[in-house]
PDB file of N, CA and C in Angstrom:
ATOM      1  N   MET A   1     -47.198 -37.352  23.064  1.00  0.00           N
ATOM      2  CA  MET A   1     -48.274 -36.860  23.904  1.00  0.00           C
ATOM      3  C   MET A   1     -49.055 -38.059  24.451  1.00  0.00           C
ATOM      4  N   PRO A   2     -49.305 -38.093  25.779  1.00  0.00           N
ATOM      5  CA  PRO A   2     -50.035 -39.219  26.359  1.00  0.00           C
ATOM      6  C   PRO A   2     -51.463 -39.296  25.835  1.00  0.00           C
ATOM      7  N   LYS A   3     -51.937 -40.531  25.730  1.00  0.00           N
ATOM      8  CA  LYS A   3     -53.302 -40.767  25.285  1.00  0.00           C
ATOM      9  C   LYS A   3     -54.279 -40.358  26.388  1.00  0.00           C
ATOM     10  N   ALA A   4     -55.366 -39.731  26.009  1.00  0.00           N
ATOM     11  CA  ALA A   4     -56.367 -39.300  26.992  1.00  0.00           C
ATOM     12  C   ALA A   4     -57.063 -40.513  27.604  1.00  0.00           C
ATOM     13  N   ILE A   5     -57.307 -40.436  28.884  1.00  0.00           N
ATOM     14  CA  ILE A   5     -58.002 -41.506  29.603  1.00  0.00           C
ATOM     15  C   ILE A   5     -59.495 -41.309  29.396  1.00  0.00           C
ATOM     16  N   LYS A   6     -60.170 -42.373  29.026  1.00  0.00           N
ATOM     17  CA  LYS A   6     -61.617 -42.320  28.814  1.00  0.00           C
ATOM     18  C   LYS A   6     -62.306 -42.620  30.148  1.00  0.00           C
ATOM     19  N   ILE A   7     -63.053 -41.649  30.648  1.00  0.00           N
ATOM     20  CA  ILE A   7     -63.756 -41.824  31.916  1.00  0.00           C
ATOM     21  C   ILE A   7     -65.239 -42.022  31.632  1.00  0.00           C
ATOM     22  N   SER A   8     -65.765 -43.109  32.135  1.00  0.00           N
ATOM     23  CA  SER A   8     -67.170 -43.428  31.935  1.00  0.00           C
ATOM     24  C   SER A   8     -68.048 -42.413  32.666  1.00  0.00           C
ATOM     25  N   PRO A   9     -69.133 -41.965  32.028  1.00  0.00           N
ATOM     26  CA  PRO A   9     -70.050 -41.060  32.725  1.00  0.00           C
ATOM     27  C   PRO A   9     -70.754 -41.759  33.885  1.00  0.00           C
ATOM     28  N   MET A  10     -70.717 -43.067  33.880  1.00  0.00           N
ATOM     29  CA  MET A  10     -71.316 -43.857  34.962  1.00  0.00           C
ATOM     30  C   MET A  10     -70.204 -44.623  35.691  1.00  0.00           C
ATOM     31  N   LEU A  11     -69.143 -43.923  36.036  1.00  0.00           N
ATOM     32  CA  LEU A  11     -67.965 -44.506  36.673  1.00  0.00           C
ATOM     33  C   LEU A  11     -68.317 -45.338  37.896  1.00  0.00           C
ATOM     34  N   ASN A  12     -69.180 -44.822  38.746  1.00  0.00           N
ATOM     35  CA  ASN A  12     -69.488 -45.528  39.984  1.00  0.00           C
ATOM     36  C   ASN A  12     -70.361 -46.761  39.756  1.00  0.00           C
ATOM     37  N   HIS A  13     -71.135 -46.771  38.699  1.00  0.00           N
ATOM     38  CA  HIS A  13     -71.858 -47.995  38.334  1.00  0.00           C
ATOM     39  C   HIS A  13     -70.864 -49.057  37.860  1.00  0.00           C
ATOM     40  N   ASP A  14     -69.855 -48.629  37.114  1.00  0.00           N
ATOM     41  CA  ASP A  14     -68.794 -49.561  36.707  1.00  0.00           C
ATOM     42  C   ASP A  14     -68.068 -50.100  37.935  1.00  0.00           C
ATOM     43  N   ARG A  15     -67.806 -49.221  38.898  1.00  0.00           N
ATOM     44  CA  ARG A  15     -67.150 -49.663  40.133  1.00  0.00           C
ATOM     45  C   ARG A  15     -68.005 -50.679  40.884  1.00  0.00           C
ATOM     46  N   LEU A  16     -69.319 -50.465  40.902  1.00  0.00           N
ATOM     47  CA  LEU A  16     -70.202 -51.431  41.580  1.00  0.00           C
ATOM     48  C   LEU A  16     -70.168 -52.799  40.909  1.00  0.00           C
ATOM     49  N   ARG A  17     -70.075 -52.808  39.577  1.00  0.00           N
ATOM     50  CA  ARG A  17     -69.952 -54.090  38.864  1.00  0.00           C
ATOM     51  C   ARG A  17     -68.676 -54.816  39.283  1.00  0.00           C
ATOM     52  N   ILE A  18     -67.601 -54.074  39.436  1.00  0.00           N
ATOM     53  CA  ILE A  18     -66.332 -54.673  39.862  1.00  0.00           C
ATOM     54  C   ILE A  18     -66.440 -55.156  41.308  1.00  0.00           C
ATOM     55  N   ILE A  19     -67.090 -54.381  42.156  1.00  0.00           N
ATOM     56  CA  ILE A  19     -67.283 -54.780  43.557  1.00  0.00           C
ATOM     57  C   ILE A  19     -68.059 -56.089  43.627  1.00  0.00           C
ATOM     58  N   ARG A  20     -69.094 -56.227  42.799  1.00  0.00           N
ATOM     59  CA  ARG A  20     -69.897 -57.467  42.806  1.00  0.00           C
ATOM     60  C   ARG A  20     -69.062 -58.693  42.425  1.00  0.00           C
ATOM     61  N   LYS A  21     -68.040 -58.487  41.586  1.00  0.00           N
ATOM     62  CA  LYS A  21     -67.141 -59.593  41.224  1.00  0.00           C
ATOM     63  C   LYS A  21     -66.376 -60.103  42.431  1.00  0.00           C
ATOM     64  N   GLY A  22     -66.037 -59.176  43.338  1.00  0.00           N
ATOM     65  CA  GLY A  22     -65.322 -59.569  44.549  1.00  0.00           C
ATOM     66  C   GLY A  22     -63.812 -59.447  44.461  1.00  0.00           C
ATOM     67  N   HIS A  23     -63.307 -59.167  43.282  1.00  0.00           N
ATOM     68  CA  HIS A  23     -61.862 -59.017  43.092  1.00  0.00           C
ATOM     69  C   HIS A  23     -61.610 -58.120  41.881  1.00  0.00           C
ATOM     70  N   ALA A  24     -60.390 -57.620  41.767  1.00  0.00           N
ATOM     71  CA  ALA A  24     -60.061 -56.739  40.651  1.00  0.00           C
ATOM     72  C   ALA A  24     -58.724 -57.150  40.027  1.00  0.00           C
ATOM     73  N   ASN A  25     -58.740 -57.321  38.710  1.00  0.00           N
ATOM     74  CA  ASN A  25     -57.503 -57.549  37.978  1.00  0.00           C
ATOM     75  C   ASN A  25     -57.047 -56.210  37.394  1.00  0.00           C
ATOM     76  N   VAL A  26     -56.007 -56.216  36.574  1.00  0.00           N
ATOM     77  CA  VAL A  26     -55.479 -54.965  36.032  1.00  0.00           C
ATOM     78  C   VAL A  26     -56.527 -54.229  35.196  1.00  0.00           C
ATOM     79  N   SER A  27     -57.264 -54.953  34.361  1.00  0.00           N
ATOM     80  CA  SER A  27     -58.303 -54.311  33.539  1.00  0.00           C
ATOM     81  C   SER A  27     -59.381 -53.667  34.404  1.00  0.00           C
ATOM     82  N   ASP A  28     -59.744 -54.337  35.487  1.00  0.00           N
ATOM     83  CA  ASP A  28     -60.734 -53.772  36.408  1.00  0.00           C
ATOM     84  C   ASP A  28     -60.196 -52.498  37.067  1.00  0.00           C
ATOM     85  N   LEU A  29     -58.932 -52.543  37.489  1.00  0.00           N
ATOM     86  CA  LEU A  29     -58.331 -51.359  38.102  1.00  0.00           C
ATOM     87  C   LEU A  29     -58.292 -50.187  37.133  1.00  0.00           C
ATOM     88  N   GLN A  30     -58.042 -50.501  35.874  1.00  0.00           N
ATOM     89  CA  GLN A  30     -57.998 -49.469  34.850  1.00  0.00           C
ATOM     90  C   GLN A  30     -59.323 -48.700  34.804  1.00  0.00           C
ATOM     91  N   LYS A  31     -60.433 -49.415  34.969  1.00  0.00           N
ATOM     92  CA  LYS A  31     -61.760 -48.788  34.986  1.00  0.00           C
ATOM     93  C   LYS A  31     -62.055 -48.158  36.345  1.00  0.00           C
ATOM     94  N   PHE A  32     -61.602 -48.807  37.410  1.00  0.00           N
ATOM     95  CA  PHE A  32     -61.924 -48.390  38.772  1.00  0.00           C
ATOM     96  C   PHE A  32     -61.277 -47.056  39.124  1.00  0.00           C
ATOM     97  N   ILE A  33     -60.028 -46.827  38.641  1.00  0.00           N
ATOM     98  CA  ILE A  33     -59.282 -45.645  39.082  1.00  0.00           C
ATOM     99  C   ILE A  33     -59.806 -44.343  38.470  1.00  0.00           C
ATOM    100  N   PRO A  34     -60.079 -44.111  37.265  1.00  0.00           N
ATOM    101  CA  PRO A  34     -59.662 -44.673  35.995  1.00  0.00           C
ATOM    102  C   PRO A  34     -58.223 -44.243  35.637  1.00  0.00           C
ATOM    103  N   ALA A  35     -57.569 -45.090  34.847  1.00  0.00           N
ATOM    104  CA  ALA A  35     -56.171 -44.835  34.520  1.00  0.00           C
ATOM    105  C   ALA A  35     -55.785 -45.552  33.237  1.00  0.00           C
ATOM    106  N   SER A  36     -54.597 -45.264  32.777  1.00  0.00           N
ATOM    107  CA  SER A  36     -54.058 -45.976  31.614  1.00  0.00           C
ATOM    108  C   SER A  36     -53.725 -47.404  32.029  1.00  0.00           C
ATOM    109  N   ARG A  37     -53.522 -48.238  31.059  1.00  0.00           N
ATOM    110  CA  ARG A  37     -53.153 -49.631  31.334  1.00  0.00           C
ATOM    111  C   ARG A  37     -51.854 -49.672  32.143  1.00  0.00           C
ATOM    112  N   GLN A  38     -50.899 -48.853  31.747  1.00  0.00           N
ATOM    113  CA  GLN A  38     -49.596 -48.821  32.419  1.00  0.00           C
ATOM    114  C   GLN A  38     -49.749 -48.418  33.894  1.00  0.00           C
ATOM    115  N   LYS A  39     -50.535 -47.379  34.154  1.00  0.00           N
ATOM    116  CA  LYS A  39     -50.759 -46.931  35.528  1.00  0.00           C
ATOM    117  C   LYS A  39     -51.503 -47.994  36.338  1.00  0.00           C
ATOM    118  N   ALA A  40     -52.481 -48.651  35.725  1.00  0.00           N
ATOM    119  CA  ALA A  40     -53.234 -49.705  36.414  1.00  0.00           C
ATOM    120  C   ALA A  40     -52.318 -50.882  36.764  1.00  0.00           C
ATOM    121  N   GLU A  41     -51.414 -51.239  35.854  1.00  0.00           N
ATOM    122  CA  GLU A  41     -50.458 -52.319  36.137  1.00  0.00           C
ATOM    123  C   GLU A  41     -49.550 -51.947  37.300  1.00  0.00           C
ATOM    124  N   LEU A  42     -49.095 -50.705  37.316  1.00  0.00           N
ATOM    125  CA  LEU A  42     -48.241 -50.230  38.401  1.00  0.00           C
ATOM    126  C   LEU A  42     -48.992 -50.258  39.732  1.00  0.00           C
ATOM    127  N   GLU A  43     -50.219 -49.773  39.744  1.00  0.00           N
ATOM    128  CA  GLU A  43     -51.040 -49.790  40.963  1.00  0.00           C
ATOM    129  C   GLU A  43     -51.271 -51.220  41.451  1.00  0.00           C
ATOM    130  N   PHE A  44     -51.542 -52.127  40.517  1.00  0.00           N
ATOM    131  CA  PHE A  44     -51.752 -53.538  40.863  1.00  0.00           C
ATOM    132  C   PHE A  44     -50.499 -54.094  41.533  1.00  0.00           C
ATOM    133  N   GLN A  45     -49.336 -53.798  40.940  1.00  0.00           N
ATOM    134  CA  GLN A  45     -48.070 -54.280  41.501  1.00  0.00           C
ATOM    135  C   GLN A  45     -47.812 -53.706  42.890  1.00  0.00           C
ATOM    136  N   VAL A  46     -48.132 -52.437  43.080  1.00  0.00           N
ATOM    137  CA  VAL A  46     -47.960 -51.801  44.392  1.00  0.00           C
ATOM    138  C   VAL A  46     -48.824 -52.499  45.434  1.00  0.00           C
ATOM    139  N   MET A  47     -50.093 -52.726  45.106  1.00  0.00           N
ATOM    140  CA  MET A  47     -50.988 -53.400  46.052  1.00  0.00           C
ATOM    141  C   MET A  47     -50.536 -54.834  46.317  1.00  0.00           C
ATOM    142  N   ALA A  48     -50.128 -55.536  45.275  1.00  0.00           N
ATOM    143  CA  ALA A  48     -49.667 -56.917  45.435  1.00  0.00           C
ATOM    144  C   ALA A  48     -48.434 -56.969  46.340  1.00  0.00           C
ATOM    145  N   ARG A  49     -47.541 -56.012  46.164  1.00  0.00           N
ATOM    146  CA  ARG A  49     -46.341 -55.961  47.001  1.00  0.00           C
ATOM    147  C   ARG A  49     -46.703 -55.651  48.448  1.00  0.00           C
ATOM    148  N   GLU A  50     -47.637 -54.737  48.664  1.00  0.00           N
ATOM    149  CA  GLU A  50     -48.083 -54.421  50.030  1.00  0.00           C
ATOM    150  C   GLU A  50     -48.646 -55.665  50.721  1.00  0.00           C
ATOM    151  N   ILE A  51     -49.431 -56.428  49.989  1.00  0.00           N
ATOM    152  CA  ILE A  51     -50.018 -57.649  50.551  1.00  0.00           C
ATOM    153  C   ILE A  51     -48.927 -58.656  50.882  1.00  0.00           C
ATOM    154  N   LEU A  52     -47.972 -58.809  49.978  1.00  0.00           N
ATOM    155  CA  LEU A  52     -46.876 -59.755  50.201  1.00  0.00           C
ATOM    156  C   LEU A  52     -46.043 -59.347  51.415  1.00  0.00           C
ATOM    157  N   LEU A  53     -45.717 -58.073  51.522  1.00  0.00           N
ATOM    158  CA  LEU A  53     -44.880 -57.611  52.631  1.00  0.00           C
ATOM    159  C   LEU A  53     -45.608 -57.633  53.970  1.00  0.00           C
ATOM    160  N   SER A  54     -46.877 -57.262  53.976  1.00  0.00           N
ATOM    161  CA  SER A  54     -47.600 -57.181  55.251  1.00  0.00           C
ATOM    162  C   SER A  54     -48.125 -58.532  55.732  1.00  0.00           C
ATOM    163  N   GLU A  55     -48.470 -59.411  54.795  1.00  0.00           N
ATOM    164  CA  GLU A  55     -49.091 -60.680  55.185  1.00  0.00           C
ATOM    165  C   GLU A  55     -48.347 -61.910  54.696  1.00  0.00           C
ATOM    166  N   GLY A  56     -47.380 -61.708  53.830  1.00  0.00           N
ATOM    167  CA  GLY A  56     -46.641 -62.844  53.289  1.00  0.00           C
ATOM    168  C   GLY A  56     -47.456 -63.675  52.312  1.00  0.00           C
ATOM    169  N   LYS A  57     -48.515 -63.077  51.748  1.00  0.00           N
ATOM    170  CA  LYS A  57     -49.402 -63.791  50.823  1.00  0.00           C
ATOM    171  C   LYS A  57     -49.214 -63.281  49.408  1.00  0.00           C
ATOM    172  N   GLU A  58     -49.272 -64.205  48.455  1.00  0.00           N
ATOM    173  CA  GLU A  58     -49.253 -63.857  47.036  1.00  0.00           C
ATOM    174  C   GLU A  58     -50.681 -63.505  46.614  1.00  0.00           C
ATOM    175  N   VAL A  59     -50.806 -62.628  45.647  1.00  0.00           N
ATOM    176  CA  VAL A  59     -52.115 -62.278  45.101  1.00  0.00           C
ATOM    177  C   VAL A  59     -52.584 -63.430  44.207  1.00  0.00           C
ATOM    178  N   ALA A  60     -53.854 -63.785  44.298  1.00  0.00           N
ATOM    179  CA  ALA A  60     -54.429 -64.868  43.490  1.00  0.00           C
ATOM    180  C   ALA A  60     -54.369 -64.514  42.003  1.00  0.00           C
ATOM    181  N   TRP A  61     -54.379 -65.502  41.155  1.00  0.00           N
ATOM    182  CA  TRP A  61     -54.275 -65.291  39.710  1.00  0.00           C
ATOM    183  C   TRP A  61     -55.420 -64.450  39.164  1.00  0.00           C
ATOM    184  N   TYR A  62     -56.577 -64.485  39.823  1.00  0.00           N
ATOM    185  CA  TYR A  62     -57.748 -63.760  39.313  1.00  0.00           C
ATOM    186  C   TYR A  62     -57.810 -62.310  39.786  1.00  0.00           C
ATOM    187  N   GLY A  63     -56.940 -61.901  40.716  1.00  0.00           N
ATOM    188  CA  GLY A  63     -56.904 -60.500  41.108  1.00  0.00           C
ATOM    189  C   GLY A  63     -56.849 -60.274  42.604  1.00  0.00           C
ATOM    190  N   ILE A  64     -56.934 -59.023  42.953  1.00  0.00           N
ATOM    191  CA  ILE A  64     -56.867 -58.583  44.345  1.00  0.00           C
ATOM    192  C   ILE A  64     -58.285 -58.480  44.900  1.00  0.00           C
ATOM    193  N   GLU A  65     -58.458 -58.950  46.138  1.00  0.00           N
ATOM    194  CA  GLU A  65     -59.776 -58.879  46.772  1.00  0.00           C
ATOM    195  C   GLU A  65     -60.258 -57.430  46.793  1.00  0.00           C
ATOM    196  N   ILE A  66     -61.522 -57.249  46.511  1.00  0.00           N
ATOM    197  CA  ILE A  66     -62.072 -55.903  46.355  1.00  0.00           C
ATOM    198  C   ILE A  66     -61.984 -55.084  47.645  1.00  0.00           C
ATOM    199  N   ASN A  67     -62.099 -55.730  48.804  1.00  0.00           N
ATOM    200  CA  ASN A  67     -61.997 -54.982  50.059  1.00  0.00           C
ATOM    201  C   ASN A  67     -60.614 -54.344  50.207  1.00  0.00           C
ATOM    202  N   ARG A  68     -59.593 -54.991  49.683  1.00  0.00           N
ATOM    203  CA  ARG A  68     -58.239 -54.421  49.716  1.00  0.00           C
ATOM    204  C   ARG A  68     -58.124 -53.229  48.762  1.00  0.00           C
ATOM    205  N   VAL A  69     -58.772 -53.341  47.601  1.00  0.00           N
ATOM    206  CA  VAL A  69     -58.754 -52.252  46.629  1.00  0.00           C
ATOM    207  C   VAL A  69     -59.459 -51.028  47.222  1.00  0.00           C
ATOM    208  N   LEU A  70     -60.626 -51.251  47.809  1.00  0.00           N
ATOM    209  CA  LEU A  70     -61.369 -50.153  48.428  1.00  0.00           C
ATOM    210  C   LEU A  70     -60.545 -49.485  49.526  1.00  0.00           C
ATOM    211  N   LYS A  71     -59.903 -50.292  50.350  1.00  0.00           N
ATOM    212  CA  LYS A  71     -59.089 -49.762  51.438  1.00  0.00           C
ATOM    213  C   LYS A  71     -57.911 -48.963  50.877  1.00  0.00           C
ATOM    214  N   HIS A  72     -57.274 -49.479  49.833  1.00  0.00           N
ATOM    215  CA  HIS A  72     -56.123 -48.804  49.213  1.00  0.00           C
ATOM    216  C   HIS A  72     -56.499 -47.408  48.724  1.00  0.00           C
ATOM    217  N   TYR A  73     -57.700 -47.269  48.166  1.00  0.00           N
ATOM    218  CA  TYR A  73     -58.153 -45.981  47.646  1.00  0.00           C
ATOM    219  C   TYR A  73     -59.019 -45.209  48.641  1.00  0.00           C
ATOM    220  N   ASN A  74     -59.075 -45.711  49.871  1.00  0.00           N
ATOM    221  CA  ASN A  74     -59.821 -45.047  50.939  1.00  0.00           C
ATOM    222  C   ASN A  74     -61.275 -44.785  50.533  1.00  0.00           C
ATOM    223  N   MET A  75     -61.921 -45.825  50.025  1.00  0.00           N
ATOM    224  CA  MET A  75     -63.330 -45.757  49.623  1.00  0.00           C
ATOM    225  C   MET A  75     -64.088 -46.863  50.344  1.00  0.00           C
ATOM    226  N   THR A  76     -65.403 -46.693  50.413  1.00  0.00           N
ATOM    227  CA  THR A  76     -66.255 -47.762  50.916  1.00  0.00           C
ATOM    228  C   THR A  76     -67.300 -48.074  49.852  1.00  0.00           C
ATOM    229  N   GLU A  77     -67.879 -49.245  49.957  1.00  0.00           N
ATOM    230  CA  GLU A  77     -68.953 -49.605  49.028  1.00  0.00           C
ATOM    231  C   GLU A  77     -70.120 -48.634  49.187  1.00  0.00           C
ATOM    232  N   GLN A  78     -70.396 -48.210  50.412  1.00  0.00           N
ATOM    233  CA  GLN A  78     -71.487 -47.265  50.659  1.00  0.00           C
ATOM    234  C   GLN A  78     -71.225 -45.925  49.947  1.00  0.00           C
ATOM    235  N   ASP A  79     -69.970 -45.460  49.981  1.00  0.00           N
ATOM    236  CA  ASP A  79     -69.615 -44.231  49.252  1.00  0.00           C
ATOM    237  C   ASP A  79     -69.944 -44.382  47.774  1.00  0.00           C
ATOM    238  N   ILE A  80     -69.507 -45.477  47.206  1.00  0.00           N
ATOM    239  CA  ILE A  80     -69.687 -45.704  45.771  1.00  0.00           C
ATOM    240  C   ILE A  80     -71.164 -45.832  45.424  1.00  0.00           C
ATOM    241  N   ARG A  81     -71.934 -46.498  46.271  1.00  0.00           N
ATOM    242  CA  ARG A  81     -73.384 -46.589  46.035  1.00  0.00           C
ATOM    243  C   ARG A  81     -74.027 -45.192  46.049  1.00  0.00           C
ATOM    244  N   ARG A  82     -73.622 -44.358  46.998  1.00  0.00           N
ATOM    245  CA  ARG A  82     -74.156 -42.996  47.084  1.00  0.00           C
ATOM    246  C   ARG A  82     -73.767 -42.198  45.836  1.00  0.00           C
ATOM    247  N   TRP A  83     -72.513 -42.316  45.417  1.00  0.00           N
ATOM    248  CA  TRP A  83     -72.051 -41.599  44.218  1.00  0.00           C
ATOM    249  C   TRP A  83     -72.773 -42.094  42.968  1.00  0.00           C
ATOM    250  N   ALA A  84     -73.033 -43.405  42.916  1.00  0.00           N
ATOM    251  CA  ALA A  84     -73.754 -43.970  41.767  1.00  0.00           C
ATOM    252  C   ALA A  84     -75.176 -43.412  41.718  1.00  0.00           C
ATOM    253  N   LYS A  85     -75.801 -43.286  42.881  1.00  0.00           N
ATOM    254  CA  LYS A  85     -77.151 -42.713  42.951  1.00  0.00           C
ATOM    255  C   LYS A  85     -77.125 -41.263  42.459  1.00  0.00           C
ATOM    256  N   ASP A  86     -76.090 -40.523  42.842  1.00  0.00           N
ATOM    257  CA  ASP A  86     -75.938 -39.132  42.391  1.00  0.00           C
ATOM    258  C   ASP A  86     -75.730 -39.060  40.879  1.00  0.00           C
ATOM    259  N   GLU A  87     -74.990 -40.020  40.318  1.00  0.00           N
ATOM    260  CA  GLU A  87     -74.778 -40.055  38.867  1.00  0.00           C
ATOM    261  C   GLU A  87     -76.108 -40.186  38.137  1.00  0.00           C
ATOM    262  N   VAL A  88     -76.965 -41.074  38.630  1.00  0.00           N
ATOM    263  CA  VAL A  88     -78.270 -41.286  38.001  1.00  0.00           C
ATOM    264  C   VAL A  88     -79.106 -40.015  38.113  1.00  0.00           C
ATOM    265  N   ALA A  89     -79.102 -39.407  39.296  1.00  0.00           N
ATOM    266  CA  ALA A  89     -79.892 -38.194  39.514  1.00  0.00           C
ATOM    267  C   ALA A  89     -79.424 -37.061  38.606  1.00  0.00           C
ATOM    268  N   SER A  90     -78.131 -36.937  38.420  1.00  0.00           N
ATOM    269  CA  SER A  90     -77.624 -35.834  37.586  1.00  0.00           C
ATOM    270  C   SER A  90     -77.789 -36.101  36.101  1.00  0.00           C
ATOM    271  N   SER A  91     -77.946 -37.370  35.715  1.00  0.00           N
ATOM    272  CA  SER A  91     -78.120 -37.677  34.293  1.00  0.00           C
ATOM    273  C   SER A  91     -79.582 -37.766  33.869  1.00  0.00           C
ATOM    274  N   THR A  92     -80.511 -37.770  34.863  1.00  0.00           N
ATOM    275  CA  THR A  92     -81.938 -37.835  34.579  1.00  0.00           C
ATOM    276  C   THR A  92     -82.455 -36.443  34.272  1.00  0.00           C
ATOM    277  N   PRO A  93     -83.103 -36.265  33.122  1.00  0.00           N
ATOM    278  CA  PRO A  93     -83.644 -34.940  32.796  1.00  0.00           C
ATOM    279  C   PRO A  93     -84.709 -34.526  33.806  1.00  0.00           C
ATOM    280  N   GLN A  94     -84.647 -33.280  34.193  1.00  0.00           N
ATOM    281  CA  GLN A  94     -85.629 -32.743  35.143  1.00  0.00           C
ATOM    282  C   GLN A  94     -86.899 -32.358  34.390  1.00  0.00           C
ATOM    283  N   THR A  95     -88.040 -32.657  34.979  1.00  0.00           N
ATOM    284  CA  THR A  95     -89.308 -32.279  34.368  1.00  0.00           C
ATOM    285  C   THR A  95     -89.998 -31.255  35.235  1.00  0.00           C
ATOM    286  N   GLY A  96     -90.919 -30.544  34.667  1.00  0.00           N
ATOM    287  CA  GLY A  96     -91.654 -29.555  35.437  1.00  0.00           C
ATOM    288  C   GLY A  96     -91.896 -28.306  34.617  1.00  0.00           C
ATOM    289  N   ALA A  97     -92.664 -27.424  35.206  1.00  0.00           N
ATOM    290  CA  ALA A  97     -92.986 -26.155  34.519  1.00  0.00           C
ATOM    291  C   ALA A  97     -91.789 -25.232  34.518  1.00  0.00           C
ATOM    292  N   ILE A  98     -91.719 -24.448  33.478  1.00  0.00           N
ATOM    293  CA  ILE A  98     -90.626 -23.471  33.359  1.00  0.00           C
ATOM    294  C   ILE A  98     -91.100 -22.133  33.839  1.00  0.00           C
TER     295      ILE A  98
END
């Protein structure tokens, strides 16, 4: 039976931390997607191959540029910032009269 993937309740905050780094390695992808290590390695290889075939460039030892990762998953930094704001709003207890 496959191991359950642990998804952070603050997934988009984790994604913002990775975006600030400017690049993503396999461990970062594992958190970004979220996925198993095996799936993250496969995704990394797919993106690296796309870059090699389309541009003739090898991926740097430290990872894939974050703009390429965002494009691959059809996301923008603005989307993730908005989702992160929603995460905070939904996790903040509401106050007021009952």
